[in-house]
Amino acid sequence: MGIGATAGIAAVGGVALNAQASSTSSSSSDPLTFDPDAYTKLTTTVTDTAGDEHQVTYHFWKAITYVADPVDATYQSLIVSAPVEIDGATVDPTNAPILLANSIGGYMPSSVADATGVGAGGMSGGGAPSGSATPSASASAPGANGNTNTNATGGATASNQLLALAAGYVVIEPGARGRSLKNSSGEYYGTAPAAIVDLKAAVRYIKHNRGRIPGDVDRIVSAGTSAGGALSSLLGASGDSPIYEKYLKELGAADASDAIFAVGAWCPITDLEHADGAYEWNWGTNALSTGKQVDQTVSKALRAQFAEYQAQLKLRGLNGFGPLTARNYDAYLVEQYLQPSATTCLAALSDADRATYLAKNTFITWKNGKAAFTWEDFLTHVGARKKTVPAFDAFDLSAGENNEFGAGTIENRHFTAYGAKNDTTGLDSKRVAADIPGKLHLMNPMYHLVEKVNGRRAKHWWIRLGTSDSDTSHVVSANLAARLAGLGDDVNHLYYWDQGHGANTDPGDFITWIAKVTGHRARTGK
């Protein structure tokens, strides 16, 4: 059975066909001890990229609280799925990689409390993640959004979990608190840094249970999309950082490491304090879907802020491009990501389909098997920007990110000096709150890669983004990749042509990549 080490599987499994609860369990005075016998035996069907079905039998542990003193166990719990048989062949998951798949979208709460099987984690209280699960080739037809594995609302796409399970990997899905949670006193208890603290606590629980929980706890690969992708990146960048320690102690997190081995991040919405400037640099001249332009005075001011920030980063592009600045970043994106993305996609089409696409998109020059175009034409091709200005720290405090930085009974707060200065809600102060700078450090992977370079970070990175995704700027993930590569890390970063937010068109390749970077070789037997 070579599913995980070759092409992988790209589709969704069915419901559990067989369920058999174990009759034995172990006990311990340690509330964070994993019970290896408290599982249910389930069987599911996973369809691979060739359309072939595979029967996977696995042990499933329902929601387990991963901290000793939870604020809300509905969200601070995880589920575990470990394969034991694939297509009739016995599988030993003892030393398999662990896919830690979060289902966080929009920095909203995510719960696995009611999950009854693998891939069932969801936002705001549970339920299956949204997203297509039809088989998809590694390069989908341009614009064929219906033929991709996409979750536009963020959170994990269920196919990643099912792919991993069918490849013989252990799948652990943690819940986490989110920004909308409010207690009976009207206090918000899921705003920053709650989600990342919870994910770290989940990792600590896993490592605390080395030898009891299935899988190789030194080969944890985090995966997430959108805000979940940002948190996956942050989890990888901030491993064992001391700035989270007091929050973890408050929860009674296990006394163990929270460093992980590798990161999978799809369209990560991160670097929030600089995201408004990056967004305007990228999409500032694109009109809204109504056809109206955003306030260009504000847009230009934010673009200027981005230029200053980009210069301070002192990043160099991949493949010898040189220093990355606001002046040349457009050329870099076109050369490093956009043209290769279009080329891969178009090359996978039949001659007839390619000719049809090129006839409809005359801005692309196709010569010697390669696509070429300008940045300006690319922006026109994408069309309407998704967000107004500012995109993240809204002057009227209406953005989800304003809620993410709420505190106490205050639902929404500004987190940038520019947003606070231009507040339109009538706040008494035109400055950000005193605790905001510290919370930004807690929520930004770039802090752990640039300002306080973390030697305990993950060293393997899989980063993906759709070229038509205007939920954030293309430079956000590109900056992340450039910095990681500059630190010597293994970075696999590319863009999906004509795909939007949450696209994941090469899930089988991700599963293969996990096997490669972890050195995993499945152990099976009859």
Protein backbone atom coordinates (compact mmCIF):
# COMPACT_ATOMS: atom_id res chain seq x y z
CA MET A 1 0.00 0.00 0.00
CA GLY A 2 1.93 3.05 -1.23
CA ILE A 3 -0.82 5.65 -1.14
CA GLY A 4 0.95 8.20 1.04
CA ALA A 5 4.33 7.92 -0.60
CA THR A 6 3.17 8.35 -4.18
CA ALA A 7 0.36 10.38 -5.65
CA GLY A 8 -1.76 10.59 -2.51
CA ILE A 9 -5.52 10.72 -2.30
CA ALA A 10 -7.60 13.77 -3.09
CA ALA A 11 -11.13 13.07 -2.04
CA VAL A 12 -13.48 12.74 0.84
CA GLY A 13 -14.36 9.63 2.80
CA GLY A 14 -17.81 8.36 3.60
CA VAL A 15 -19.55 7.94 6.92
CA ALA A 16 -18.40 5.34 9.40
CA LEU A 17 -19.50 1.94 8.24
CA ASN A 18 -18.56 0.00 11.33
CA ALA A 19 -18.26 1.16 14.92
CA GLN A 20 -16.91 -0.92 17.77
CA ALA A 21 -16.08 0.58 21.15
CA SER A 22 -13.16 -0.76 23.11
CA SER A 23 -14.20 -2.36 26.40
CA THR A 24 -11.09 -1.46 28.36
CA SER A 25 -9.61 1.82 29.49
CA SER A 26 -6.82 2.98 31.76
CA SER A 27 -6.91 5.57 34.51
CA SER A 28 -4.38 8.02 35.86
CA SER A 29 -4.23 10.77 38.45
CA ASP A 30 -2.75 13.00 35.76
CA PRO A 31 -5.72 14.71 34.05
CA LEU A 32 -3.62 15.11 30.92
CA THR A 33 -2.85 11.42 30.46
CA PHE A 34 -4.09 10.03 27.16
CA ASP A 35 -5.99 6.74 27.45
CA PRO A 36 -4.78 4.53 24.57
CA ASP A 37 -7.69 2.10 25.05
CA ALA A 38 -10.60 4.57 24.99
CA TYR A 39 -11.19 4.45 21.26
CA THR A 40 -13.96 3.49 18.88
CA LYS A 41 -13.14 1.43 15.82
CA LEU A 42 -14.47 3.00 12.61
CA THR A 43 -14.25 2.35 8.89
CA THR A 44 -14.46 4.94 6.15
CA THR A 45 -14.00 5.11 2.40
CA VAL A 46 -11.51 7.44 0.74
CA THR A 47 -11.38 8.00 -3.00
CA ASP A 48 -8.00 8.70 -4.60
CA THR A 49 -7.10 10.97 -7.52
CA ALA A 50 -7.67 8.14 -9.98
CA GLY A 51 -11.17 7.59 -8.62
CA ASP A 52 -10.28 4.37 -6.82
CA GLU A 53 -11.86 3.72 -3.45
CA HIS A 54 -9.87 2.60 -0.42
CA GLN A 55 -11.27 1.16 2.80
CA VAL A 56 -9.61 2.62 5.88
CA THR A 57 -10.21 1.24 9.35
CA TYR A 58 -9.06 3.49 12.18
CA HIS A 59 -9.19 3.99 15.90
CA PHE A 60 -11.04 7.15 16.87
CA TRP A 61 -10.78 8.96 20.19
CA LYS A 62 -13.62 11.41 20.71
CA ALA A 63 -13.11 14.87 22.19
CA ILE A 64 -10.39 14.96 24.85
CA THR A 65 -9.75 18.13 26.87
CA TYR A 66 -6.11 19.05 26.37
CA VAL A 67 -5.61 21.39 29.36
CA ALA A 68 -6.11 20.79 33.06
CA ASP A 69 -7.93 24.08 33.71
CA PRO A 70 -9.97 24.83 30.59
CA VAL A 71 -11.78 28.11 30.10
CA ASP A 72 -14.23 26.31 27.82
CA ALA A 73 -13.73 22.59 27.19
CA THR A 74 -16.17 22.74 24.28
CA TYR A 75 -13.36 24.34 22.31
CA GLN A 76 -10.25 23.29 24.24
CA SER A 77 -10.41 19.67 23.20
CA LEU A 78 -9.07 17.50 20.40
CA ILE A 79 -9.90 14.31 18.53
CA VAL A 80 -7.47 11.61 17.44
CA SER A 81 -7.71 9.24 14.45
CA ALA A 82 -5.13 6.50 13.88
CA PRO A 83 -5.32 4.08 10.93
CA VAL A 84 -4.95 0.38 11.69
CA GLU A 85 -5.94 -1.19 8.39
CA ILE A 86 -5.91 0.09 4.80
CA ASP A 87 -7.39 -2.05 2.02
CA GLY A 88 -7.10 -5.13 4.18
CA ALA A 89 -3.45 -4.54 5.10
CA THR A 90 -2.59 -3.96 8.75
CA VAL A 91 -1.05 -0.55 9.45
CA ASP A 92 1.13 0.34 12.43
CA PRO A 93 0.69 4.06 13.20
CA THR A 94 3.10 4.05 16.15
CA ASN A 95 5.81 6.06 14.40
CA ALA A 96 3.70 7.72 11.73
CA PRO A 97 3.73 11.51 11.20
CA ILE A 98 0.97 13.41 12.97
CA LEU A 99 -1.14 15.81 10.92
CA LEU A 100 -2.40 18.49 13.31
CA ALA A 101 -5.29 19.91 11.28
CA ASN A 102 -7.08 22.92 12.69
CA SER A 103 -10.45 24.06 11.34
CA ILE A 104 -10.18 27.71 12.31
CA GLY A 105 -11.55 30.32 9.92
CA GLY A 106 -11.88 34.05 10.48
CA TYR A 107 -10.32 33.70 13.94
CA MET A 108 -13.69 32.27 14.99
CA PRO A 109 -14.12 29.49 17.57
CA SER A 110 -13.60 25.92 16.41
CA SER A 111 -14.96 22.86 18.19
CA VAL A 112 -14.61 19.11 17.86
CA ALA A 113 -16.81 18.39 20.86
CA ASP A 114 -19.49 16.68 18.79
CA ALA A 115 -17.18 15.07 16.23
CA THR A 116 -17.96 11.45 15.44
CA GLY A 117 -15.09 10.71 13.08
CA VAL A 118 -12.09 12.02 11.22
CA GLY A 119 -12.46 15.31 9.34
CA ALA A 120 -15.40 16.45 11.45
CA GLY A 121 -13.87 19.50 13.14
CA GLY A 122 -15.63 22.77 12.39
CA MET A 123 -16.05 26.42 13.22
CA SER A 124 -18.44 27.85 15.78
CA GLY A 125 -19.37 24.65 17.50
CA GLY A 126 -18.63 21.81 15.13
CA GLY A 127 -19.89 20.30 11.94
CA ALA A 128 -18.04 19.18 8.87
CA PRO A 129 -15.79 21.74 7.22
CA SER A 130 -17.11 23.16 4.00
CA GLY A 131 -15.34 22.54 0.71
CA SER A 132 -15.43 20.40 -2.36
CA ALA A 133 -14.04 16.91 -2.08
CA THR A 134 -14.09 15.88 -5.69
CA PRO A 135 -10.88 14.45 -7.14
CA SER A 136 -8.74 17.17 -8.65
CA ALA A 137 -5.60 17.11 -10.72
CA SER A 138 -2.48 18.88 -9.52
CA ALA A 139 -3.25 21.63 -12.02
CA SER A 140 -6.93 22.36 -12.43
CA ALA A 141 -8.41 23.99 -15.50
CA PRO A 142 -8.18 27.79 -15.28
CA GLY A 143 -11.17 29.25 -13.52
CA ALA A 144 -12.72 25.86 -12.89
CA ASN A 145 -13.52 26.67 -9.29
CA GLY A 146 -16.07 23.88 -9.12
CA ASN A 147 -13.35 21.32 -9.72
CA THR A 148 -11.09 22.28 -6.85
CA ASN A 149 -10.82 21.47 -3.19
CA THR A 150 -11.71 24.87 -1.75
CA ASN A 151 -12.87 26.26 1.54
CA ALA A 152 -13.54 29.95 1.03
CA THR A 153 -14.49 30.54 4.66
CA GLY A 154 -11.19 29.26 6.02
CA GLY A 155 -10.58 26.34 8.31
CA ALA A 156 -9.22 22.99 7.23
CA THR A 157 -10.52 21.18 4.18
CA ALA A 158 -11.60 17.66 5.17
CA SER A 159 -9.63 16.10 2.31
CA ASN A 160 -6.29 16.84 4.03
CA GLN A 161 -7.31 14.79 7.05
CA LEU A 162 -8.69 11.93 4.97
CA LEU A 163 -5.68 11.94 2.67
CA ALA A 164 -3.40 11.71 5.65
CA LEU A 165 -5.37 8.90 7.27
CA ALA A 166 -5.37 6.89 4.06
CA ALA A 167 -1.61 7.40 3.80
CA GLY A 168 -1.13 5.82 7.20
CA TYR A 169 -0.65 9.05 9.16
CA VAL A 170 -2.19 9.87 12.51
CA VAL A 171 -4.66 12.76 12.32
CA ILE A 172 -5.25 14.98 15.34
CA GLU A 173 -7.81 17.79 15.08
CA PRO A 174 -7.77 20.40 17.84
CA GLY A 175 -10.52 22.83 18.66
CA ALA A 176 -9.68 26.34 19.85
CA ARG A 177 -11.36 29.40 21.29
CA GLY A 178 -12.25 32.20 18.91
CA ARG A 179 -12.97 35.91 18.90
CA SER A 180 -16.78 35.80 19.16
CA LEU A 181 -16.96 33.87 22.46
CA LYS A 182 -18.47 35.85 25.34
CA ASN A 183 -19.27 34.80 28.89
CA SER A 184 -22.31 35.67 31.02
CA SER A 185 -20.58 38.84 32.21
CA GLY A 186 -20.22 40.06 28.65
CA GLU A 187 -16.46 39.45 28.56
CA TYR A 188 -14.81 38.16 25.40
CA TYR A 189 -12.65 35.15 26.23
CA GLY A 190 -11.57 33.98 22.79
CA THR A 191 -9.78 37.04 21.44
CA ALA A 192 -6.03 37.26 20.88
CA PRO A 193 -3.99 35.36 21.87
CA ALA A 194 -6.49 32.64 22.85
CA ALA A 195 -6.42 30.61 19.60
CA ILE A 196 -2.64 30.28 19.35
CA VAL A 197 -2.35 29.54 23.08
CA ASP A 198 -4.90 26.75 22.67
CA LEU A 199 -3.08 25.24 19.70
CA LYS A 200 0.18 25.33 21.64
CA ALA A 201 -1.55 23.63 24.56
CA ALA A 202 -2.78 20.93 22.19
CA VAL A 203 0.76 20.31 20.96
CA ARG A 204 1.99 20.13 24.55
CA TYR A 205 -0.71 17.57 25.36
CA ILE A 206 0.40 15.43 22.42
CA LYS A 207 4.07 15.56 23.40
CA HIS A 208 3.23 14.98 27.06
CA ASN A 209 1.70 11.69 25.96
CA ARG A 210 4.70 10.36 24.06
CA GLY A 211 4.43 6.57 23.93
CA ARG A 212 0.73 6.62 24.78
CA ILE A 213 -0.79 8.64 21.96
CA PRO A 214 -0.35 7.13 18.49
CA GLY A 215 2.13 8.71 16.10
CA ASP A 216 5.59 10.25 16.22
CA VAL A 217 5.25 13.30 18.49
CA ASP A 218 8.51 14.67 17.06
CA ARG A 219 6.97 14.76 13.56
CA ILE A 220 3.92 16.98 14.02
CA VAL A 221 2.83 18.77 10.85
CA SER A 222 0.35 21.59 11.37
CA ALA A 223 -2.20 22.47 8.69
CA GLY A 224 -4.73 25.28 8.36
CA THR A 225 -6.41 27.66 5.94
CA SER A 226 -6.96 31.45 6.05
CA ALA A 227 -6.86 32.47 9.73
CA GLY A 228 -6.14 28.79 10.36
CA GLY A 229 -3.22 29.09 7.95
CA ALA A 230 -1.99 32.14 9.83
CA LEU A 231 -2.22 30.24 13.12
CA SER A 232 -0.51 27.22 11.57
CA SER A 233 2.33 29.53 10.47
CA LEU A 234 2.45 31.15 13.90
CA LEU A 235 2.53 27.77 15.61
CA GLY A 236 5.48 26.78 13.45
CA ALA A 237 7.37 30.04 13.87
CA SER A 238 6.91 30.44 17.62
CA GLY A 239 7.74 26.98 18.95
CA ASP A 240 8.68 27.11 22.65
CA SER A 241 8.73 30.92 22.70
CA PRO A 242 8.67 32.10 26.33
CA ILE A 243 6.20 34.94 25.61
CA TYR A 244 3.28 32.45 25.74
CA GLU A 245 4.28 30.75 28.96
CA LYS A 246 2.05 32.67 31.37
CA TYR A 247 -1.01 32.04 29.22
CA LEU A 248 -0.26 28.33 29.02
CA LYS A 249 0.25 28.06 32.76
CA GLU A 250 -3.11 29.73 33.38
CA LEU A 251 -4.76 26.91 31.43
CA GLY A 252 -2.84 24.13 33.13
CA ALA A 253 -1.16 23.14 29.86
CA ALA A 254 1.19 20.17 29.97
CA ASP A 255 4.82 20.80 30.88
CA ALA A 256 6.17 19.89 27.46
CA SER A 257 7.47 21.45 24.26
CA ASP A 258 5.07 23.14 21.82
CA ALA A 259 7.53 23.18 18.92
CA ILE A 260 6.37 21.39 15.77
CA PHE A 261 8.21 19.80 12.87
CA ALA A 262 6.54 21.26 9.78
CA VAL A 263 3.83 23.66 8.62
CA GLY A 264 1.13 23.54 5.97
CA ALA A 265 -0.46 26.97 5.45
CA TRP A 266 -3.06 27.86 2.83
CA CYS A 267 -3.72 31.57 2.17
CA PRO A 268 -2.50 32.64 5.61
CA ILE A 269 -4.02 35.96 6.69
CA THR A 270 -1.24 37.13 8.95
CA ASP A 271 1.17 39.99 9.70
CA LEU A 272 -2.00 41.89 10.60
CA GLU A 273 -0.38 45.13 11.74
CA HIS A 274 1.06 45.57 8.24
CA ALA A 275 -1.72 43.88 6.29
CA ASP A 276 -3.59 47.09 5.43
CA GLY A 277 -0.57 48.60 3.70
CA ALA A 278 0.26 45.36 1.93
CA TYR A 279 -3.34 45.05 0.74
CA GLU A 280 -3.37 48.53 -0.77
CA TRP A 281 -0.01 47.97 -2.43
CA ASN A 282 -1.48 44.88 -4.08
CA TRP A 283 -5.11 45.76 -4.73
CA GLY A 284 -5.25 49.53 -4.23
CA THR A 285 -6.10 50.37 -7.83
CA ASN A 286 -8.70 47.61 -8.21
CA ALA A 287 -12.32 48.69 -7.84
CA LEU A 288 -14.81 47.07 -5.51
CA SER A 289 -17.43 44.70 -6.89
CA THR A 290 -19.78 47.69 -7.09
CA GLY A 291 -17.43 49.31 -9.58
CA LYS A 292 -16.48 52.07 -7.16
CA GLN A 293 -12.92 52.89 -6.18
CA VAL A 294 -11.95 53.01 -2.52
CA ASP A 295 -10.69 56.26 -0.99
CA GLN A 296 -7.42 56.74 -2.85
CA THR A 297 -6.05 59.17 -0.28
CA VAL A 298 -6.26 56.46 2.37
CA SER A 299 -5.05 53.82 -0.07
CA LYS A 300 -1.95 55.84 -1.01
CA ALA A 301 -1.13 56.56 2.63
CA LEU A 302 -1.26 52.86 3.42
CA ARG A 303 0.86 52.01 0.37
CA ALA A 304 3.50 54.40 1.67
CA GLN A 305 3.44 52.62 5.01
CA PHE A 306 3.95 49.30 3.27
CA ALA A 307 6.96 50.65 1.35
CA GLU A 308 8.58 51.71 4.61
CA TYR A 309 7.87 48.38 6.28
CA GLN A 310 9.12 46.36 3.33
CA ALA A 311 12.38 48.29 3.31
CA GLN A 312 12.85 47.60 7.03
CA LEU A 313 12.47 43.85 6.51
CA LYS A 314 15.53 43.70 4.25
CA LEU A 315 14.31 40.53 2.59
CA ARG A 316 15.79 38.98 -0.50
CA GLY A 317 13.71 37.18 -3.10
CA LEU A 318 14.00 33.52 -3.92
CA ASN A 319 16.23 32.21 -6.70
CA GLY A 320 18.67 35.10 -6.52
CA PHE A 321 16.15 37.86 -7.19
CA GLY A 322 17.81 40.31 -4.80
CA PRO A 323 16.35 42.79 -2.30
CA LEU A 324 12.54 42.94 -2.18
CA THR A 325 11.12 46.46 -2.14
CA ALA A 326 7.79 48.10 -2.86
CA ARG A 327 9.27 49.23 -6.18
CA ASN A 328 10.14 45.78 -7.50
CA TYR A 329 7.76 43.45 -5.68
CA ASP A 330 5.36 43.40 -8.61
CA ALA A 331 8.10 42.12 -10.92
CA TYR A 332 9.08 39.57 -8.30
CA LEU A 333 5.58 38.19 -7.92
CA VAL A 334 5.13 37.95 -11.68
CA GLU A 335 8.49 36.24 -12.20
CA GLN A 336 8.60 33.97 -9.15
CA TYR A 337 4.96 33.00 -8.73
CA LEU A 338 2.35 34.24 -11.18
CA GLN A 339 3.84 33.34 -14.56
CA PRO A 340 5.01 29.90 -13.33
CA SER A 341 1.53 29.32 -11.90
CA ALA A 342 -0.16 30.18 -15.19
CA THR A 343 2.38 28.11 -17.09
CA THR A 344 1.77 25.01 -14.97
CA CYS A 345 -1.96 25.36 -15.31
CA LEU A 346 -2.01 26.00 -19.04
CA ALA A 347 0.50 23.26 -19.79
CA ALA A 348 -1.83 20.75 -18.16
CA LEU A 349 -4.66 21.59 -20.57
CA SER A 350 -5.34 19.96 -23.89
CA ASP A 351 -4.31 22.00 -26.91
CA ALA A 352 -7.94 22.83 -27.63
CA ASP A 353 -8.72 23.93 -24.07
CA ARG A 354 -5.55 25.97 -23.90
CA ALA A 355 -6.38 27.71 -27.14
CA THR A 356 -9.87 28.50 -25.85
CA TYR A 357 -8.52 29.93 -22.61
CA LEU A 358 -5.88 32.04 -24.35
CA ALA A 359 -8.48 33.39 -26.76
CA LYS A 360 -10.50 34.62 -23.78
CA ASN A 361 -7.44 35.95 -21.95
CA THR A 362 -5.43 37.76 -24.59
CA PHE A 363 -3.24 39.47 -22.00
CA ILE A 364 -1.25 36.22 -21.75
CA THR A 365 1.49 35.54 -24.25
CA TRP A 366 2.10 31.79 -24.69
CA LYS A 367 5.48 31.04 -26.21
CA ASN A 368 7.72 27.99 -25.99
CA GLY A 369 5.42 26.45 -23.41
CA LYS A 370 5.55 29.42 -21.04
CA ALA A 371 3.06 32.10 -20.05
CA ALA A 372 4.02 35.76 -19.88
CA PHE A 373 2.10 38.91 -18.91
CA THR A 374 2.44 42.16 -16.98
CA TRP A 375 1.49 42.93 -13.41
CA GLU A 376 -1.03 45.53 -14.57
CA ASP A 377 -2.76 43.04 -16.84
CA PHE A 378 -2.81 40.49 -14.04
CA LEU A 379 -4.60 42.94 -11.73
CA THR A 380 -7.15 43.63 -14.45
CA HIS A 381 -7.62 39.90 -14.93
CA VAL A 382 -8.37 39.33 -11.23
CA GLY A 383 -10.87 42.16 -11.21
CA ALA A 384 -12.73 43.41 -8.13
CA ARG A 385 -10.99 43.58 -4.79
CA LYS A 386 -12.85 41.83 -2.00
CA LYS A 387 -12.28 44.32 0.82
CA THR A 388 -12.67 48.03 1.31
CA VAL A 389 -10.04 50.33 2.85
CA PRO A 390 -8.62 49.76 5.37
CA ALA A 391 -9.12 46.05 4.87
CA PHE A 392 -8.23 44.86 8.37
CA ASP A 393 -8.14 47.66 10.94
CA ALA A 394 -11.35 49.35 9.81
CA PHE A 395 -11.88 52.97 10.83
CA ASP A 396 -15.38 52.02 12.01
CA LEU A 397 -14.12 48.90 13.86
CA SER A 398 -16.23 46.65 11.64
CA ALA A 399 -13.56 44.15 10.53
CA GLY A 400 -13.27 40.72 12.08
CA GLU A 401 -9.68 41.52 12.99
CA ASN A 402 -10.90 44.42 15.14
CA ASN A 403 -12.87 41.83 17.10
CA GLU A 404 -9.81 39.58 17.29
CA PHE A 405 -8.08 42.30 19.31
CA GLY A 406 -11.07 43.00 21.55
CA ALA A 407 -10.57 42.68 25.30
CA GLY A 408 -12.75 42.39 28.37
CA THR A 409 -16.20 43.68 27.50
CA ILE A 410 -14.89 45.72 24.56
CA GLU A 411 -15.88 43.83 21.43
CA ASN A 412 -13.67 45.59 18.86
CA ARG A 413 -10.44 47.57 19.11
CA HIS A 414 -7.97 49.21 16.79
CA PHE A 415 -4.58 47.52 16.51
CA THR A 416 -2.70 49.96 14.24
CA ALA A 417 -1.76 53.57 14.91
CA TYR A 418 -3.25 54.60 11.58
CA GLY A 419 -6.57 52.92 12.30
CA ALA A 420 -6.79 54.47 15.76
CA LYS A 421 -5.85 57.93 14.49
CA ASN A 422 -8.61 57.83 11.89
CA ASP A 423 -11.26 56.20 14.06
CA THR A 424 -14.82 57.13 13.09
CA THR A 425 -16.67 55.61 16.05
CA GLY A 426 -16.15 58.47 18.49
CA LEU A 427 -13.53 56.88 20.72
CA ASP A 428 -12.02 59.17 23.35
CA SER A 429 -8.48 58.08 22.50
CA LYS A 430 -6.86 58.15 19.09
CA ARG A 431 -4.16 55.73 20.18
CA VAL A 432 -4.03 51.96 20.38
CA ALA A 433 -4.38 50.41 23.83
CA ALA A 434 -1.20 49.76 25.78
CA ASP A 435 -1.50 45.98 25.51
CA ILE A 436 -1.83 45.91 21.73
CA PRO A 437 1.91 45.82 20.80
CA GLY A 438 2.42 42.76 22.98
CA LYS A 439 -0.61 41.01 21.53
CA LEU A 440 0.62 41.71 18.00
CA HIS A 441 3.87 39.94 18.87
CA LEU A 442 1.87 37.00 20.14
CA MET A 443 -0.11 36.82 16.88
CA ASN A 444 2.49 37.49 14.18
CA PRO A 445 4.88 34.78 12.90
CA MET A 446 7.14 37.49 11.45
CA TYR A 447 7.96 38.64 14.99
CA HIS A 448 9.49 35.23 15.64
CA LEU A 449 11.32 35.22 12.30
CA VAL A 450 12.59 38.79 12.09
CA GLU A 451 12.62 40.64 15.43
CA LYS A 452 13.24 37.64 17.69
CA VAL A 453 14.55 34.88 15.45
CA ASN A 454 13.39 31.62 16.99
CA GLY A 455 15.75 28.69 16.68
CA ARG A 456 12.99 26.31 17.78
CA ARG A 457 10.79 27.10 14.79
CA ALA A 458 9.62 24.47 12.30
CA LYS A 459 12.13 24.05 9.47
CA HIS A 460 9.79 22.70 6.75
CA TRP A 461 7.07 24.86 5.18
CA TRP A 462 4.31 24.20 2.64
CA ILE A 463 2.60 27.49 1.68
CA ARG A 464 -0.17 27.90 -0.91
CA LEU A 465 -2.32 30.78 -2.22
CA GLY A 466 -4.76 31.27 -5.08
CA THR A 467 -3.80 33.96 -7.58
CA SER A 468 -7.34 35.36 -7.53
CA ASP A 469 -7.42 35.54 -3.74
CA SER A 470 -7.95 39.16 -2.69
CA ASP A 471 -8.76 38.37 0.94
CA THR A 472 -5.23 39.53 1.68
CA SER A 473 -2.14 40.68 -0.22
CA HIS A 474 0.01 38.29 -2.21
CA VAL A 475 3.08 39.74 -0.53
CA VAL A 476 2.06 38.37 2.89
CA SER A 477 2.82 34.74 2.08
CA ALA A 478 5.67 35.74 -0.24
CA ASN A 479 7.35 37.69 2.56
CA LEU A 480 6.91 34.75 4.89
CA ALA A 481 8.48 32.41 2.34
CA ALA A 482 11.34 34.80 1.59
CA ARG A 483 12.21 35.21 5.25
CA LEU A 484 12.09 31.48 5.94
CA ALA A 485 14.25 30.72 2.92
CA GLY A 486 16.69 33.41 4.06
CA LEU A 487 16.96 31.61 7.39
CA GLY A 488 17.82 28.40 5.56
CA ASP A 489 14.50 26.62 6.00
CA ASP A 490 12.94 24.22 3.50
CA VAL A 491 10.16 26.19 1.77
CA ASN A 492 7.70 24.81 -0.78
CA HIS A 493 5.63 27.81 -1.87
CA LEU A 494 3.50 28.28 -4.97
CA TYR A 495 0.31 29.93 -6.15
CA TYR A 496 -2.73 28.26 -7.74
CA TRP A 497 -3.68 29.95 -11.00
CA ASP A 498 -7.17 31.47 -11.15
CA GLN A 499 -8.08 30.06 -7.76
CA GLY A 500 -9.64 32.01 -4.91
CA HIS A 501 -9.47 32.02 -1.14
CA GLY A 502 -9.08 28.62 0.48
CA ALA A 503 -8.05 26.74 -2.66
CA ASN A 504 -6.14 23.49 -2.18
CA THR A 505 -5.71 21.91 -5.60
CA ASP A 506 -2.75 19.64 -4.86
CA PRO A 507 -3.65 17.85 -1.61
CA GLY A 508 -2.06 14.60 -2.75
CA ASP A 509 1.23 16.39 -3.23
CA PHE A 510 0.99 17.75 0.31
CA ILE A 511 0.65 14.21 1.67
CA THR A 512 3.65 13.10 -0.38
CA TRP A 513 5.62 16.10 0.89
CA ILE A 514 4.91 15.10 4.49
CA ALA A 515 6.37 11.65 3.84
CA LYS A 516 9.42 13.25 2.22
CA VAL A 517 10.26 15.77 4.94
CA THR A 518 9.53 13.42 7.83
CA GLY A 519 11.30 10.45 6.26
CA HIS A 520 8.22 8.32 6.84
CA ARG A 521 7.97 4.86 5.37
CA ALA A 522 4.70 3.12 6.11
CA ARG A 523 4.86 -0.15 8.01
CA THR A 524 2.15 -2.51 6.83
CA GLY A 525 1.47 -6.20 6.92
CA LYS A 526 -1.23 -8.73 6.16
